[in-house]
Protein backbone atom coordinates (compact mmCIF):
# COMPACT_ATOMS: atom_id res chain seq x y z
CA MET A 1 16.30 33.86 -12.54
CA LEU A 2 16.53 36.74 -14.41
CA PRO A 3 17.54 40.15 -13.26
CA LEU A 4 14.87 42.79 -13.10
CA GLN A 5 16.90 45.20 -15.41
CA LEU A 6 16.68 42.70 -18.39
CA ILE A 7 13.06 42.31 -18.21
CA ASP A 8 12.60 45.92 -17.95
CA SER A 9 14.84 46.36 -20.98
CA PHE A 10 12.99 43.91 -23.11
CA LEU A 11 9.64 44.88 -21.94
CA LEU A 12 10.17 48.58 -22.98
CA ASP A 13 10.21 48.01 -26.57
CA TYR A 14 6.23 46.55 -26.19
CA ASN A 15 3.12 48.02 -25.20
CA VAL A 16 0.42 46.66 -22.93
CA GLY A 17 -1.57 45.27 -26.01
CA GLN A 18 1.49 43.21 -27.58
CA ALA A 19 1.92 41.58 -24.01
CA LEU A 20 -1.74 40.67 -23.58
CA LEU A 21 -1.69 39.47 -27.12
CA LEU A 22 1.25 37.19 -26.23
CA VAL A 23 -0.38 36.02 -23.25
CA PHE A 24 -3.41 35.26 -24.96
CA VAL A 25 -1.53 33.07 -27.67
CA LEU A 26 0.28 31.22 -24.98
CA ALA A 27 -3.07 30.75 -23.04
CA THR A 28 -4.53 29.17 -26.05
CA LEU A 29 -1.62 27.03 -26.92
CA GLY A 30 -1.69 25.81 -23.27
CA ALA A 31 -5.16 24.93 -23.72
CA LEU A 32 -5.28 22.95 -26.93
CA PRO A 33 -3.56 19.70 -25.30
CA LEU A 34 -6.66 19.39 -23.36
CA LYS A 35 -8.52 19.14 -26.42
CA SER A 36 -11.69 20.90 -25.02
CA ALA A 37 -13.46 23.43 -27.41
CA LYS A 38 -15.18 25.06 -24.44
CA VAL A 39 -11.99 25.71 -22.53
CA VAL A 40 -10.78 27.56 -25.68
CA ALA A 41 -13.83 29.28 -25.88
CA LEU A 42 -13.90 30.50 -22.24
CA ASN A 43 -10.15 31.77 -22.91
CA THR A 44 -11.28 33.48 -26.15
CA MET A 45 -14.12 35.38 -24.30
CA ALA A 46 -11.99 36.24 -21.23
CA PHE A 47 -9.52 37.82 -23.45
CA GLY A 48 -11.79 39.60 -25.31
CA VAL A 49 -13.39 41.10 -22.33
CA ILE A 50 -9.64 42.07 -21.26
CA PHE A 51 -8.77 43.86 -24.57
CA LEU A 52 -12.22 45.66 -24.45
CA LEU A 53 -11.40 46.76 -20.99
CA THR A 54 -7.80 47.88 -21.18
CA PRO A 55 -7.60 51.54 -21.03
CA GLN A 56 -7.02 53.22 -24.54
CA SER A 57 -4.36 55.29 -23.50
CA LEU A 58 -2.24 52.15 -23.07
CA VAL A 59 -3.07 50.32 -26.04
CA PRO A 60 -3.65 51.32 -29.83
CA ILE A 61 -7.18 51.28 -31.07
CA HIS A 62 -6.88 48.24 -32.94
CA TYR A 63 -6.84 46.06 -29.82
CA LEU A 64 -10.23 47.08 -28.86
CA PHE A 65 -11.30 45.91 -32.35
CA LEU A 66 -9.66 42.57 -31.78
CA GLY A 67 -11.72 42.56 -28.15
CA ILE A 68 -15.04 42.99 -30.00
CA ALA A 69 -13.82 39.88 -32.36
CA LEU A 70 -12.61 37.77 -29.74
CA VAL A 71 -16.08 38.30 -27.65
CA ILE A 72 -18.24 37.52 -30.76
CA ILE A 73 -15.86 34.60 -31.85
CA GLY A 74 -16.02 33.13 -27.90
CA PRO A 75 -19.60 32.28 -27.92
CA LEU A 76 -19.67 30.93 -31.42
CA LEU A 77 -17.01 28.56 -30.37
CA TRP A 78 -19.02 27.58 -27.18
CA THR A 79 -22.15 26.82 -28.93
CA THR A 80 -20.50 24.87 -31.64
CA SER A 81 -18.35 22.72 -29.29
CA ARG A 82 -19.65 19.20 -28.37
CA ASN A 83 -20.47 18.19 -24.59
């Protein structure tokens, strides 16, 4: 187990948006072996909403635009996926 000071010193260099983006990428990579486009679409929509609801005092404005893009792309992935 890592000491808390090591984790804290690592995370001080990044903002909340970067941490959420890393979690989004890891969650998407984790869903790819399932070979389900609907799971990837749900993941995309969920993170789009998370990026939209994150307070702008914590993240730069471009993460809001990323959230808007993900909220638009998620339903497109859902409708183009097979059963």
